[in-house]
């Protein structure tokens, strides 16, 4: 019932060619940082500058209050 209509034919002389199908080789996934080191440094500099400005403004407000009280 499961007989094939075709039979296998191997050459008796000459060369036999075989196709080698290359398969995909999957590599381990590499995790990339969400932020680059340069971007993190820039954000840190901006945060420090913002904090410095806030400190200067608070100092200026405190010194202006002390001048008006005297």
PDB file of N, CA and C in Angstrom:
ATOM      1  N   UNK A   1       0.823  -1.192   0.000  1.00  0.00           N
ATOM      2  CA  UNK A   1       0.000   0.000   0.000  1.00  0.00           C
ATOM      3  C   UNK A   1       0.870   1.261   0.000  1.00  0.00           C
ATOM      4  N   UNK A   2       1.943   1.265   0.805  1.00  0.00           N
ATOM      5  CA  UNK A   2       2.810   2.421   0.897  1.00  0.00           C
ATOM      6  C   UNK A   2       3.986   2.292  -0.057  1.00  0.00           C
ATOM      7  N   UNK A   3       3.834   1.539  -1.091  1.00  0.00           N
ATOM      8  CA  UNK A   3       4.927   1.372  -2.041  1.00  0.00           C
ATOM      9  C   UNK A   3       5.102   2.629  -2.871  1.00  0.00           C
ATOM     10  N   UNK A   4       6.369   2.952  -3.153  1.00  0.00           N
ATOM     11  CA  UNK A   4       6.670   4.144  -3.931  1.00  0.00           C
ATOM     12  C   UNK A   4       6.664   3.794  -5.421  1.00  0.00           C
ATOM     13  N   UNK A   5       6.239   4.733  -6.217  1.00  0.00           N
ATOM     14  CA  UNK A   5       6.230   4.525  -7.659  1.00  0.00           C
ATOM     15  C   UNK A   5       7.625   4.674  -8.246  1.00  0.00           C
ATOM     16  N   UNK A   6       8.502   5.354  -7.486  1.00  0.00           N
ATOM     17  CA  UNK A   6       9.856   5.584  -7.966  1.00  0.00           C
ATOM     18  C   UNK A   6      10.822   4.760  -7.140  1.00  0.00           C
ATOM     19  N   UNK A   7      11.868   4.308  -7.775  1.00  0.00           N
ATOM     20  CA  UNK A   7      12.874   3.580  -7.024  1.00  0.00           C
ATOM     21  C   UNK A   7      14.184   4.375  -7.057  1.00  0.00           C
ATOM     22  N   UNK A   8      14.990   4.174  -6.024  1.00  0.00           N
ATOM     23  CA  UNK A   8      16.249   4.911  -5.892  1.00  0.00           C
ATOM     24  C   UNK A   8      17.255   4.367  -6.900  1.00  0.00           C
ATOM     25  N   UNK A   9      17.934   5.306  -7.571  1.00  0.00           N
ATOM     26  CA  UNK A   9      18.926   4.900  -8.560  1.00  0.00           C
ATOM     27  C   UNK A   9      20.262   5.502  -8.167  1.00  0.00           C
ATOM     28  N   UNK A  10      21.260   4.674  -7.940  1.00  0.00           N
ATOM     29  CA  UNK A  10      22.604   5.138  -7.618  1.00  0.00           C
ATOM     30  C   UNK A  10      23.495   4.862  -8.826  1.00  0.00           C
ATOM     31  N   UNK A  11      24.355   5.829  -9.183  1.00  0.00           N
ATOM     32  CA  UNK A  11      25.222   5.608 -10.349  1.00  0.00           C
ATOM     33  C   UNK A  11      26.270   4.522 -10.069  1.00  0.00           C
ATOM     34  N   UNK A  12      26.545   3.719 -11.063  1.00  0.00           N
ATOM     35  CA  UNK A  12      27.517   2.633 -10.927  1.00  0.00           C
ATOM     36  C   UNK A  12      28.930   3.147 -11.198  1.00  0.00           C
ATOM     37  N   UNK A  13      29.056   4.227 -11.952  1.00  0.00           N
ATOM     38  CA  UNK A  13      30.370   4.808 -12.227  1.00  0.00           C
ATOM     39  C   UNK A  13      30.242   6.321 -12.241  1.00  0.00           C
ATOM     40  N   UNK A  14      31.348   7.013 -12.082  1.00  0.00           N
ATOM     41  CA  UNK A  14      31.314   8.461 -12.029  1.00  0.00           C
ATOM     42  C   UNK A  14      31.229   8.950 -10.585  1.00  0.00           C
ATOM     43  N   UNK A  15      30.979  10.238 -10.431  1.00  0.00           N
ATOM     44  CA  UNK A  15      30.958  10.821  -9.088  1.00  0.00           C
ATOM     45  C   UNK A  15      29.522  11.005  -8.614  1.00  0.00           C
ATOM     46  N   UNK A  16      29.359  10.902  -7.336  1.00  0.00           N
ATOM     47  CA  UNK A  16      28.060  11.101  -6.724  1.00  0.00           C
ATOM     48  C   UNK A  16      28.084  12.477  -6.058  1.00  0.00           C
ATOM     49  N   UNK A  17      27.171  13.332  -6.407  1.00  0.00           N
ATOM     50  CA  UNK A  17      27.119  14.683  -5.832  1.00  0.00           C
ATOM     51  C   UNK A  17      26.102  14.699  -4.701  1.00  0.00           C
ATOM     52  N   UNK A  18      26.536  15.294  -3.589  1.00  0.00           N
ATOM     53  CA  UNK A  18      25.656  15.409  -2.431  1.00  0.00           C
ATOM     54  C   UNK A  18      25.579  16.874  -2.053  1.00  0.00           C
ATOM     55  N   UNK A  19      24.357  17.393  -1.885  1.00  0.00           N
ATOM     56  CA  UNK A  19      24.185  18.790  -1.475  1.00  0.00           C
ATOM     57  C   UNK A  19      24.199  18.862   0.034  1.00  0.00           C
ATOM     58  N   UNK A  20      25.040  19.746   0.556  1.00  0.00           N
ATOM     59  CA  UNK A  20      25.083  19.962   2.001  1.00  0.00           C
ATOM     60  C   UNK A  20      24.337  21.259   2.283  1.00  0.00           C
ATOM     61  N   UNK A  21      23.223  21.145   2.936  1.00  0.00           N
ATOM     62  CA  UNK A  21      22.407  22.312   3.245  1.00  0.00           C
ATOM     63  C   UNK A  21      22.906  22.895   4.562  1.00  0.00           C
ATOM     64  N   UNK A  22      23.369  24.127   4.503  1.00  0.00           N
ATOM     65  CA  UNK A  22      23.860  24.752   5.731  1.00  0.00           C
ATOM     66  C   UNK A  22      22.674  25.219   6.569  1.00  0.00           C
ATOM     67  N   UNK A  23      22.818  25.054   7.852  1.00  0.00           N
ATOM     68  CA  UNK A  23      21.757  25.467   8.759  1.00  0.00           C
ATOM     69  C   UNK A  23      22.204  26.725   9.491  1.00  0.00           C
ATOM     70  N   UNK A  24      21.237  27.474   9.962  1.00  0.00           N
ATOM     71  CA  UNK A  24      21.544  28.702  10.687  1.00  0.00           C
ATOM     72  C   UNK A  24      22.049  28.351  12.083  1.00  0.00           C
ATOM     73  N   UNK A  25      23.094  29.053  12.499  1.00  0.00           N
ATOM     74  CA  UNK A  25      23.623  28.872  13.840  1.00  0.00           C
ATOM     75  C   UNK A  25      23.198  30.076  14.658  1.00  0.00           C
ATOM     76  N   UNK A  26      22.424  29.842  15.686  1.00  0.00           N
ATOM     77  CA  UNK A  26      21.938  30.934  16.517  1.00  0.00           C
ATOM     78  C   UNK A  26      22.929  31.199  17.641  1.00  0.00           C
ATOM     79  N   UNK A  27      23.268  32.467  17.822  1.00  0.00           N
ATOM     80  CA  UNK A  27      24.193  32.861  18.877  1.00  0.00           C
ATOM     81  C   UNK A  27      23.411  33.274  20.113  1.00  0.00           C
ATOM     82  N   UNK A  28      24.101  33.280  21.216  1.00  0.00           N
ATOM     83  CA  UNK A  28      23.498  33.732  22.458  1.00  0.00           C
ATOM     84  C   UNK A  28      23.160  35.215  22.316  1.00  0.00           C
ATOM     85  N   UNK A  29      21.968  35.643  22.691  1.00  0.00           N
ATOM     86  CA  UNK A  29      21.610  37.061  22.533  1.00  0.00           C
ATOM     87  C   UNK A  29      22.464  37.953  23.422  1.00  0.00           C
ATOM     88  N   UNK A  30      22.832  39.100  22.904  1.00  0.00           N
ATOM     89  CA  UNK A  30      23.638  40.052  23.658  1.00  0.00           C
ATOM     90  C   UNK A  30      22.726  41.132  24.213  1.00  0.00           C
ATOM     91  N   UNK A  31      22.869  41.409  25.481  1.00  0.00           N
ATOM     92  CA  UNK A  31      22.060  42.443  26.112  1.00  0.00           C
ATOM     93  C   UNK A  31      22.729  43.793  25.919  1.00  0.00           C
ATOM     94  N   UNK A  32      21.986  44.723  25.384  1.00  0.00           N
ATOM     95  CA  UNK A  32      22.507  46.063  25.173  1.00  0.00           C
ATOM     96  C   UNK A  32      21.943  46.988  26.239  1.00  0.00           C
ATOM     97  N   UNK A  33      22.748  47.927  26.703  1.00  0.00           N
ATOM     98  CA  UNK A  33      22.235  48.858  27.710  1.00  0.00           C
ATOM     99  C   UNK A  33      21.163  49.754  27.111  1.00  0.00           C
ATOM    100  N   UNK A  34      20.182  50.116  27.932  1.00  0.00           N
ATOM    101  CA  UNK A  34      19.111  50.986  27.446  1.00  0.00           C
ATOM    102  C   UNK A  34      19.638  52.401  27.219  1.00  0.00           C
ATOM    103  N   UNK A  35      20.610  52.801  28.041  1.00  0.00           N
ATOM    104  CA  UNK A  35      21.215  54.123  27.888  1.00  0.00           C
ATOM    105  C   UNK A  35      22.714  53.941  27.695  1.00  0.00           C
ATOM    106  N   UNK A  36      23.279  54.757  26.844  1.00  0.00           N
ATOM    107  CA  UNK A  36      24.714  54.679  26.639  1.00  0.00           C
ATOM    108  C   UNK A  36      25.436  55.336  27.814  1.00  0.00           C
ATOM    109  N   UNK A  37      26.695  55.026  27.955  1.00  0.00           N
ATOM    110  CA  UNK A  37      27.499  55.581  29.047  1.00  0.00           C
ATOM    111  C   UNK A  37      27.584  57.102  28.900  1.00  0.00           C
ATOM    112  N   UNK A  38      27.714  57.575  27.668  1.00  0.00           N
ATOM    113  CA  UNK A  38      27.804  59.008  27.419  1.00  0.00           C
ATOM    114  C   UNK A  38      26.518  59.715  27.838  1.00  0.00           C
ATOM    115  N   UNK A  39      25.379  59.120  27.522  1.00  0.00           N
ATOM    116  CA  UNK A  39      24.092  59.714  27.895  1.00  0.00           C
ATOM    117  C   UNK A  39      23.947  59.755  29.408  1.00  0.00           C
ATOM    118  N   UNK A  40      24.377  58.699  30.095  1.00  0.00           N
ATOM    119  CA  UNK A  40      24.298  58.688  31.557  1.00  0.00           C
ATOM    120  C   UNK A  40      25.183  59.780  32.161  1.00  0.00           C
ATOM    121  N   UNK A  41      26.378  59.978  31.595  1.00  0.00           N
ATOM    122  CA  UNK A  41      27.272  61.028  32.089  1.00  0.00           C
ATOM    123  C   UNK A  41      26.649  62.405  31.875  1.00  0.00           C
ATOM    124  N   UNK A  42      26.045  62.609  30.707  1.00  0.00           N
ATOM    125  CA  UNK A  42      25.415  63.895  30.403  1.00  0.00           C
ATOM    126  C   UNK A  42      24.257  64.162  31.366  1.00  0.00           C
ATOM    127  N   UNK A  43      23.433  63.151  31.619  1.00  0.00           N
ATOM    128  CA  UNK A  43      22.317  63.329  32.553  1.00  0.00           C
ATOM    129  C   UNK A  43      22.823  63.624  33.963  1.00  0.00           C
ATOM    130  N   UNK A  44      23.913  62.981  34.361  1.00  0.00           N
ATOM    131  CA  UNK A  44      24.481  63.222  35.688  1.00  0.00           C
ATOM    132  C   UNK A  44      24.980  64.667  35.786  1.00  0.00           C
ATOM    133  N   UNK A  45      25.653  65.158  34.736  1.00  0.00           N
ATOM    134  CA  UNK A  45      26.147  66.541  34.730  1.00  0.00           C
ATOM    135  C   UNK A  45      24.979  67.518  34.815  1.00  0.00           C
ATOM    136  N   UNK A  46      23.910  67.262  34.072  1.00  0.00           N
ATOM    137  CA  UNK A  46      22.743  68.139  34.094  1.00  0.00           C
ATOM    138  C   UNK A  46      22.088  68.137  35.469  1.00  0.00           C
ATOM    139  N   UNK A  47      21.990  66.966  36.090  1.00  0.00           N
ATOM    140  CA  UNK A  47      21.393  66.856  37.416  1.00  0.00           C
ATOM    141  C   UNK A  47      22.230  67.639  38.440  1.00  0.00           C
ATOM    142  N   UNK A  48      23.551  67.493  38.380  1.00  0.00           N
ATOM    143  CA  UNK A  48      24.429  68.217  39.300  1.00  0.00           C
ATOM    144  C   UNK A  48      24.325  69.721  39.087  1.00  0.00           C
ATOM    145  N   UNK A  49      24.248  70.163  37.831  1.00  0.00           N
ATOM    146  CA  UNK A  49      24.124  71.600  37.542  1.00  0.00           C
ATOM    147  C   UNK A  49      22.805  72.135  38.091  1.00  0.00           C
ATOM    148  N   UNK A  50      21.716  71.355  37.921  1.00  0.00           N
ATOM    149  CA  UNK A  50      20.415  71.761  38.438  1.00  0.00           C
ATOM    150  C   UNK A  50      20.453  71.888  39.966  1.00  0.00           C
ATOM    151  N   UNK A  51      21.095  70.923  40.640  1.00  0.00           N
ATOM    152  CA  UNK A  51      21.200  70.968  42.097  1.00  0.00           C
ATOM    153  C   UNK A  51      22.021  72.168  42.554  1.00  0.00           C
ATOM    154  N   UNK A  52      23.092  72.479  41.843  1.00  0.00           N
ATOM    155  CA  UNK A  52      23.936  73.622  42.179  1.00  0.00           C
ATOM    156  C   UNK A  52      23.146  74.924  42.060  1.00  0.00           C
ATOM    157  N   UNK A  53      22.366  75.044  40.997  1.00  0.00           N
ATOM    158  CA  UNK A  53      21.553  76.250  40.792  1.00  0.00           C
ATOM    159  C   UNK A  53      20.517  76.379  41.901  1.00  0.00           C
ATOM    160  N   UNK A  54      19.875  75.269  42.289  1.00  0.00           N
ATOM    161  CA  UNK A  54      18.876  75.310  43.363  1.00  0.00           C
ATOM    162  C   UNK A  54      19.520  75.725  44.683  1.00  0.00           C
ATOM    163  N   UNK A  55      20.720  75.220  44.946  1.00  0.00           N
ATOM    164  CA  UNK A  55      21.415  75.590  46.175  1.00  0.00           C
ATOM    165  C   UNK A  55      21.755  77.086  46.175  1.00  0.00           C
ATOM    166  N   UNK A  56      22.201  77.589  45.032  1.00  0.00           N
ATOM    167  CA  UNK A  56      22.535  79.013  44.927  1.00  0.00           C
ATOM    168  C   UNK A  56      21.284  79.870  45.117  1.00  0.00           C
ATOM    169  N   UNK A  57      20.152  79.436  44.534  1.00  0.00           N
ATOM    170  CA  UNK A  57      18.909  80.199  44.693  1.00  0.00           C
ATOM    171  C   UNK A  57      18.449  80.195  46.144  1.00  0.00           C
ATOM    172  N   UNK A  58      18.563  79.054  46.814  1.00  0.00           N
ATOM    173  CA  UNK A  58      18.180  78.982  48.230  1.00  0.00           C
ATOM    174  C   UNK A  58      19.090  79.874  49.072  1.00  0.00           C
ATOM    175  N   UNK A  59      20.367  79.871  48.774  1.00  0.00           N
ATOM    176  CA  UNK A  59      21.304  80.710  49.513  1.00  0.00           C
ATOM    177  C   UNK A  59      20.980  82.194  49.294  1.00  0.00           C
ATOM    178  N   UNK A  60      20.645  82.546  48.048  1.00  0.00           N
ATOM    179  CA  UNK A  60      20.313  83.935  47.737  1.00  0.00           C
ATOM    180  C   UNK A  60      19.027  84.345  48.474  1.00  0.00           C
ATOM    181  N   UNK A  61      18.042  83.460  48.525  1.00  0.00           N
ATOM    182  CA  UNK A  61      16.797  83.772  49.232  1.00  0.00           C
ATOM    183  C   UNK A  61      17.048  83.925  50.731  1.00  0.00           C
ATOM    184  N   UNK A  62      17.856  83.057  51.291  1.00  0.00           N
ATOM    185  CA  UNK A  62      18.159  83.141  52.725  1.00  0.00           C
ATOM    186  C   UNK A  62      18.935  84.413  53.055  1.00  0.00           C
ATOM    187  N   UNK A  63      19.866  84.770  52.198  1.00  0.00           N
ATOM    188  CA  UNK A  63      20.652  85.968  52.464  1.00  0.00           C
ATOM    189  C   UNK A  63      19.792  87.232  52.288  1.00  0.00           C
ATOM    190  N   UNK A  64      18.842  87.205  51.349  1.00  0.00           N
ATOM    191  CA  UNK A  64      17.977  88.375  51.174  1.00  0.00           C
ATOM    192  C   UNK A  64      17.001  88.500  52.343  1.00  0.00           C
ATOM    193  N   UNK A  65      16.560  87.402  52.921  1.00  0.00           N
ATOM    194  CA  UNK A  65      15.688  87.441  54.097  1.00  0.00           C
ATOM    195  C   UNK A  65      16.437  87.981  55.302  1.00  0.00           C
ATOM    196  N   UNK A  66      17.691  87.570  55.458  1.00  0.00           N
ATOM    197  CA  UNK A  66      18.466  88.024  56.616  1.00  0.00           C
ATOM    198  C   UNK A  66      18.778  89.510  56.504  1.00  0.00           C
ATOM    199  N   UNK A  67      18.908  90.019  55.290  1.00  0.00           N
ATOM    200  CA  UNK A  67      19.172  91.448  55.102  1.00  0.00           C
ATOM    201  C   UNK A  67      17.934  92.258  55.450  1.00  0.00           C
ATOM    202  N   UNK A  68      16.745  91.800  55.076  1.00  0.00           N
ATOM    203  CA  UNK A  68      15.504  92.536  55.347  1.00  0.00           C
ATOM    204  C   UNK A  68      15.135  92.469  56.825  1.00  0.00           C
ATOM    205  N   UNK A  69      15.518  91.426  57.535  1.00  0.00           N
ATOM    206  CA  UNK A  69      15.199  91.283  58.951  1.00  0.00           C
ATOM    207  C   UNK A  69      16.043  92.253  59.772  1.00  0.00           C
ATOM    208  N   UNK A  70      17.250  92.491  59.393  1.00  0.00           N
ATOM    209  CA  UNK A  70      18.153  93.341  60.187  1.00  0.00           C
ATOM    210  C   UNK A  70      17.788  94.748  60.084  1.00  0.00           C
TER     211      UNK A  70
END
